C-alpha atoms as a PDB file:
ATOM      1  CA  MET A   1      11.288  22.117  15.808  1.00  0.00           C
ATOM      2  CA  PRO A   2      10.524  20.807  12.339  1.00  0.00           C
ATOM      3  CA  THR A   3      11.037  16.392  11.989  1.00  0.00           C
ATOM      4  CA  SER A   4      13.440  15.017   9.800  1.00  0.00           C
ATOM      5  CA  MET A   5      12.645  12.924   7.347  1.00  0.00           C
ATOM      6  CA  TRP A   6      13.968   9.751   9.139  1.00  0.00           C
ATOM      7  CA  GLN A   7      12.289  10.470  12.223  1.00  0.00           C
ATOM      8  CA  HIS A   8       8.918  10.770   9.920  1.00  0.00           C
ATOM      9  CA  VAL A   9      10.131   6.827   8.662  1.00  0.00           C
ATOM     10  CA  LEU A  10      11.237   5.338  11.905  1.00  0.00           C
ATOM     11  CA  ASP A  11       7.897   6.831  13.473  1.00  0.00           C
ATOM     12  CA  ARG A  12       6.127   4.965  10.783  1.00  0.00           C
ATOM     13  CA  GLU A  13       7.846   1.837  11.145  1.00  0.00           C
ATOM     14  CA  LEU A  14       7.297   1.331  14.751  1.00  0.00           C
ATOM     15  CA  ALA A  15       3.932   2.146  14.303  1.00  0.00           C
ATOM     16  CA  ASN A  16       3.763  -1.110  11.622  1.00  0.00           C
ATOM     17  CA  VAL A  17       5.810  -3.121  14.258  1.00  0.00           C
ATOM     18  CA  GLU A  18       3.331  -1.992  16.898  1.00  0.00           C
ATOM     19  CA  ARG A  19       0.180  -3.218  14.974  1.00  0.00           C
ATOM     20  CA  LEU A  20       1.832  -6.117  14.199  1.00  0.00           C
ATOM     21  CA  ARG A  21       2.356  -6.712  17.871  1.00  0.00           C
ATOM     22  CA  SER A  22      -0.990  -5.850  19.072  1.00  0.00           C
ATOM     23  CA  VAL A  23      -3.302  -6.907  16.082  1.00  0.00           C
ATOM     24  CA  VAL A  24      -1.584  -9.197  13.640  1.00  0.00           C
ATOM     25  CA  VAL A  25       0.269 -11.379  16.149  1.00  0.00           C
ATOM     26  CA  PRO A  26      -3.122 -12.176  18.055  1.00  0.00           C
ATOM     27  CA  ASP A  27      -4.758 -12.774  15.551  1.00  0.00           C
ATOM     28  CA  LEU A  28      -2.458 -15.433  14.106  1.00  0.00           C
ATOM     29  CA  ARG A  29      -2.615 -17.176  17.459  1.00  0.00           C
ATOM     30  CA  ALA A  30      -6.564 -17.420  17.428  1.00  0.00           C
ATOM     31  CA  ALA A  31      -6.171 -18.591  13.830  1.00  0.00           C
ATOM     32  CA  ALA A  32      -4.424 -21.669  14.896  1.00  0.00           C
ATOM     33  CA  ILE A  33      -5.791 -21.996  17.897  1.00  0.00           C
ATOM     34  CA  ALA A  34      -9.089 -22.103  16.113  1.00  0.00           C
ATOM     35  CA  ALA A  35      -7.624 -24.753  13.422  1.00  0.00           C
ATOM     36  CA  ALA A  36      -6.790 -26.898  16.331  1.00  0.00           C
ATOM     37  CA  VAL A  37      -9.930 -27.219  17.672  1.00  0.00           C
ATOM     38  CA  ALA A  38     -11.280 -27.909  14.423  1.00  0.00           C
ATOM     39  CA  THR A  39      -8.902 -30.594  13.655  1.00  0.00           C
ATOM     40  CA  ALA A  40      -9.324 -32.038  17.297  1.00  0.00           C
ATOM     41  CA  GLY A  41     -12.809 -32.954  16.598  1.00  0.00           C
ATOM     42  CA  ARG A  42     -15.178 -33.594  19.423  1.00  0.00           C
ATOM     43  CA  ARG A  43     -13.917 -32.137  23.045  1.00  0.00           C
ATOM     44  CA  GLY A  44     -11.387 -30.175  20.596  1.00  0.00           C
ATOM     45  CA  ARG A  45     -11.787 -27.049  22.898  1.00  0.00           C
ATOM     46  CA  ALA A  46     -11.107 -28.960  26.156  1.00  0.00           C
ATOM     47  CA  ALA A  47      -7.992 -30.862  24.726  1.00  0.00           C
ATOM     48  CA  VAL A  48      -6.646 -27.546  23.474  1.00  0.00           C
ATOM     49  CA  ALA A  49      -7.098 -25.716  26.938  1.00  0.00           C
ATOM     50  CA  ALA A  50      -5.381 -28.781  28.503  1.00  0.00           C
ATOM     51  CA  HIS A  51      -2.439 -28.674  26.007  1.00  0.00           C
ATOM     52  CA  MET A  52      -2.168 -24.868  26.609  1.00  0.00           C
ATOM     53  CA  ASN A  53      -2.936 -24.653  30.201  1.00  0.00           C
ATOM     54  CA  VAL A  54      -5.672 -22.430  29.617  1.00  0.00           C
ATOM     55  CA  SER A  55      -9.278 -22.343  30.353  1.00  0.00           C
ATOM     56  CA  VAL A  56     -12.148 -23.696  27.994  1.00  0.00           C
ATOM     57  CA  GLY A  57     -13.287 -20.171  27.986  1.00  0.00           C
ATOM     58  CA  THR A  58      -9.437 -18.564  26.655  1.00  0.00           C
ATOM     59  CA  VAL A  59     -10.498 -21.062  24.112  1.00  0.00           C
ATOM     60  CA  ASP A  60     -13.110 -19.925  22.908  1.00  0.00           C
ATOM     61  CA  GLN A  61     -12.338 -15.957  22.730  1.00  0.00           C
ATOM     62  CA  ALA A  62      -9.718 -17.192  20.402  1.00  0.00           C
ATOM     63  CA  VAL A  63     -12.298 -19.184  18.468  1.00  0.00           C
ATOM     64  CA  LYS A  64     -14.740 -16.369  18.569  1.00  0.00           C
ATOM     65  CA  ARG A  65     -11.323 -13.839  17.260  1.00  0.00           C
ATOM     66  CA  ALA A  66     -10.682 -15.909  15.001  1.00  0.00           C
ATOM     67  CA  ARG A  67     -13.857 -16.039  13.428  1.00  0.00           C
ATOM     68  CA  ALA A  68     -14.407 -12.521  13.314  1.00  0.00           C
ATOM     69  CA  ALA A  69     -11.259 -11.738  11.526  1.00  0.00           C
ATOM     70  CA  ALA A  70     -11.781 -14.744   8.729  1.00  0.00           C
ATOM     71  CA  PRO A  71     -12.682 -13.897   4.965  1.00  0.00           C
ATOM     72  CA  ASP A  72     -16.225 -13.715   4.144  1.00  0.00           C
ATOM     73  CA  PRO A  73     -16.783 -17.699   3.486  1.00  0.00           C
ATOM     74  CA  CYS A  74     -18.499 -16.573   0.656  1.00  0.00           C
ATOM     75  CA  GLY A  75     -15.918 -15.733  -1.394  1.00  0.00           C
ATOM     76  CA  ALA A  76     -17.199 -12.479  -1.720  1.00  0.00           C
ATOM     77  CA  LEU A  77     -13.387 -10.753  -1.738  1.00  0.00           C
ATOM     78  CA  LEU A  78     -11.773  -9.229  -4.749  1.00  0.00           C
ATOM     79  CA  PRO A  79      -9.497 -11.374  -6.312  1.00  0.00           C
ATOM     80  CA  GLU A  80      -5.720 -11.020  -5.559  1.00  0.00           C
ATOM     81  CA  ASP A  81      -4.453  -8.915  -7.990  1.00  0.00           C
ATOM     82  CA  ALA A  82      -7.342  -6.895  -8.414  1.00  0.00           C
ATOM     83  CA  TRP A  83      -5.384  -3.789  -6.777  1.00  0.00           C
ATOM     84  CA  SER A  84      -2.617  -4.056  -9.803  1.00  0.00           C
ATOM     85  CA  ARG A  85      -5.139  -4.493 -12.244  1.00  0.00           C
ATOM     86  CA  VAL A  86      -7.076  -1.281 -11.504  1.00  0.00           C
ATOM     87  CA  LEU A  87      -3.593   0.551 -11.295  1.00  0.00           C
ATOM     88  CA  ALA A  88      -2.801  -0.682 -15.005  1.00  0.00           C
ATOM     89  CA  LEU A  89      -6.461   0.009 -16.235  1.00  0.00           C
ATOM     90  CA  GLU A  90      -5.765   3.298 -14.930  1.00  0.00           C
ATOM     91  CA  LEU A  91      -2.493   3.789 -16.030  1.00  0.00           C
ATOM     92  CA  ALA A  92      -3.556   3.384 -19.537  1.00  0.00           C
ATOM     93  CA  GLY A  93      -5.401   6.897 -19.441  1.00  0.00           C
ATOM     94  CA  VAL A  94      -2.139   8.727 -18.456  1.00  0.00           C
ATOM     95  CA  GLY A  95      -0.695  10.432 -21.496  1.00  0.00           C
ATOM     96  CA  PRO A  96       2.355   9.739 -22.099  1.00  0.00           C
ATOM     97  CA  LEU A  97       5.704  11.685 -21.376  1.00  0.00           C
ATOM     98  CA  SER A  98       9.327  11.730 -22.521  1.00  0.00           C
ATOM     99  CA  PRO A  99      11.287   8.833 -20.727  1.00  0.00           C
ATOM    100  CA  ARG A 100      13.290  12.219 -19.118  1.00  0.00           C
ATOM    101  CA  GLU A 101      10.011  13.617 -18.069  1.00  0.00           C
ATOM    102  CA  TRP A 102       9.190   9.767 -16.036  1.00  0.00           C
ATOM    103  CA  ASP A 103      12.715   9.489 -14.607  1.00  0.00           C
ATOM    104  CA  ALA A 104      12.331  12.975 -12.953  1.00  0.00           C
ATOM    105  CA  LEU A 105       9.097  12.193 -11.621  1.00  0.00           C
ATOM    106  CA  ALA A 106      10.771   8.426 -10.617  1.00  0.00           C
ATOM    107  CA  TYR A 107      13.461  10.732  -8.875  1.00  0.00           C
ATOM    108  CA  LEU A 108      11.230  13.004  -7.117  1.00  0.00           C
ATOM    109  CA  ALA A 109       8.751  10.317  -5.858  1.00  0.00           C
ATOM    110  CA  ARG A 110      11.669   8.737  -3.939  1.00  0.00           C
ATOM    111  CA  GLY A 111      13.346  11.084  -2.615  1.00  0.00           C
ATOM    112  CA  THR A 112       9.768  12.150  -1.050  1.00  0.00           C
ATOM    113  CA  VAL A 113       8.070  10.606   1.976  1.00  0.00           C
ATOM    114  CA  VAL A 114       5.032   9.631   0.593  1.00  0.00           C
ATOM    115  CA  ASP A 115       2.234   9.236   2.891  1.00  0.00           C
ATOM    116  CA  GLU A 116      -1.518   9.114   3.412  1.00  0.00           C
ATOM    117  CA  MET A 117      -1.809  12.905   2.752  1.00  0.00           C
ATOM    118  CA  TRP A 118      -0.614  11.911  -0.471  1.00  0.00           C
ATOM    119  CA  LEU A 119      -3.935   9.536  -1.602  1.00  0.00           C
ATOM    120  CA  GLU A 120      -5.996  12.680  -1.340  1.00  0.00           C
ATOM    121  CA  GLN A 121      -4.161  14.654  -4.147  1.00  0.00           C
ATOM    122  CA  PRO A 122      -1.502  12.963  -5.704  1.00  0.00           C
ATOM    123  CA  GLY A 123      -1.177  14.712  -8.930  1.00  0.00           C
ATOM    124  CA  GLU A 124      -1.084  17.922  -7.451  1.00  0.00           C
ATOM    125  CA  LEU A 125       1.489  16.988  -4.724  1.00  0.00           C
ATOM    126  CA  LEU A 126       3.668  15.361  -7.215  1.00  0.00           C
ATOM    127  CA  ALA A 127       2.975  18.983  -9.444  1.00  0.00           C
ATOM    128  CA  GLN A 128       4.410  20.974  -6.305  1.00  0.00           C
ATOM    129  CA  GLU A 129       7.386  18.736  -5.910  1.00  0.00           C
ATOM    130  CA  VAL A 130       7.859  19.139  -9.613  1.00  0.00           C
ATOM    131  CA  GLU A 131       7.712  23.053  -9.117  1.00  0.00           C
ATOM    132  CA  ASP A 132      10.214  23.132  -6.273  1.00  0.00           C
ATOM    133  CA  ALA A 133      12.574  21.015  -7.943  1.00  0.00           C
ATOM    134  CA  ASP A 134      15.651  21.884  -9.838  1.00  0.00           C
ATOM    135  CA  LEU A 135      14.963  19.728 -12.803  1.00  0.00           C
ATOM    136  CA  PRO A 136      17.271  19.646 -15.483  1.00  0.00           C
ATOM    137  CA  ALA A 137      16.791  22.059 -18.411  1.00  0.00           C
ATOM    138  CA  GLU A 138      15.915  19.294 -20.859  1.00  0.00           C
ATOM    139  CA  VAL A 139      12.581  18.689 -18.623  1.00  0.00           C
ATOM    140  CA  ASP A 140       9.744  21.642 -19.414  1.00  0.00           C
ATOM    141  CA  THR A 141       8.712  21.705 -15.511  1.00  0.00           C
ATOM    142  CA  ALA A 142       5.819  24.013 -16.046  1.00  0.00           C
ATOM    143  CA  ALA A 143       4.028  21.541 -18.823  1.00  0.00           C
ATOM    144  CA  LEU A 144       5.408  18.225 -16.598  1.00  0.00           C
ATOM    145  CA  ALA A 145       3.186  20.019 -13.724  1.00  0.00           C
ATOM    146  CA  ALA A 146       0.404  20.439 -15.558  1.00  0.00           C
ATOM    147  CA  ALA A 147       0.506  16.676 -17.005  1.00  0.00           C
ATOM    148  CA  CYS A 148       0.402  16.032 -12.524  1.00  0.00           C
ATOM    149  CA  ARG A 149      -2.186  18.212 -11.993  1.00  0.00           C
ATOM    150  CA  ALA A 150      -4.389  16.301 -15.095  1.00  0.00           C
ATOM    151  CA  TRP A 151      -4.293  12.823 -13.612  1.00  0.00           C
ATOM    152  CA  THR A 152      -7.488  11.620 -11.634  1.00  0.00           C
ATOM    153  CA  ARG A 153      -6.699  11.022  -8.114  1.00  0.00           C
ATOM    154  CA  ILE A 154      -6.091   7.196  -9.115  1.00  0.00           C
ATOM    155  CA  GLN A 155      -3.816   8.063 -11.862  1.00  0.00           C
ATOM    156  CA  GLY A 156      -1.663   9.790  -9.793  1.00  0.00           C
ATOM    157  CA  VAL A 157      -1.610   6.587  -7.536  1.00  0.00           C
ATOM    158  CA  ALA A 158      -1.114   4.333 -10.474  1.00  0.00           C
ATOM    159  CA  VAL A 159       1.920   7.247 -11.329  1.00  0.00           C
ATOM    160  CA  LEU A 160       3.276   7.160  -7.858  1.00  0.00           C
ATOM    161  CA  ASP A 161       3.366   3.121  -7.560  1.00  0.00           C
ATOM    162  CA  CYS A 162       4.916   2.794 -10.524  1.00  0.00           C
ATOM    163  CA  CYS A 163       7.698   5.374  -9.971  1.00  0.00           C
ATOM    164  CA  LEU A 164       8.333   3.856  -6.355  1.00  0.00           C
ATOM    165  CA  ARG A 165       8.760   0.601  -6.987  1.00  0.00           C
ATOM    166  CA  GLY A 166      11.459   1.412 -10.008  1.00  0.00           C
ATOM    167  CA  ALA A 167       8.673  -0.092 -13.102  1.00  0.00           C
ATOM    168  CA  ARG A 168       9.108   2.701 -15.438  1.00  0.00           C
ATOM    169  CA  ASP A 169       8.480   0.493 -18.198  1.00  0.00           C
ATOM    170  CA  LYS A 170       4.644   0.460 -17.425  1.00  0.00           C
ATOM    171  CA  LEU A 171       4.799   4.275 -17.525  1.00  0.00           C
ATOM    172  CA  PRO A 172       3.379   5.328 -21.177  1.00  0.00           C
ATOM    173  CA  THR A 173       5.916   6.959 -23.298  1.00  0.00           C
ATOM    174  CA  GLY A 174       5.970   8.871 -26.301  1.00  0.00           C
ATOM    175  CA  ARG A 175       8.294   9.864 -28.963  1.00  0.00           C
ATOM    176  CA  ASP A 176       9.024  13.159 -27.562  1.00  0.00           C
ATOM    177  CA  GLY A 177       7.194  12.700 -24.714  1.00  0.00           C
ATOM    178  CA  ARG A 178       3.577  13.985 -26.475  1.00  0.00           C
ATOM    179  CA  PRO A 179       0.923  12.224 -28.353  1.00  0.00           C
END
């Protein structure tokens, strides 16, 4: 029996909740315990253990987990806005389309369950959606599908990101959609 879109969405959301429950919450708990140990100073492990009614070994495990989950103290992380900057740079290389073509792509993207598979070939999958859709006559589906297929992987992801976020103003447009 084929899976409905709502079932796929529900399964994905339940998997996210399970991940939060099993990974994120214990990491947050461990970080809070480690912070309390650091704040308590000398004999902090024992004081935190007594306050929580757990063994010092349990507190040690939490501190160890917090240290393992902590970001690199050297600050070797990318800036917070790195991903959005990369997408913006990639959009600069995307050829302009008409507003009607961008609207059609946004409509198709919003009506599609975009999962991990879309990261592999976003342009090709979007092109297939264009070819299968019943778009207005003003939209040349063959040319639009060809434009989608011409994108690199990251350009396709950048376009999908704009379409799904409703950021149509970030997408390049030409007078008639062509350079």
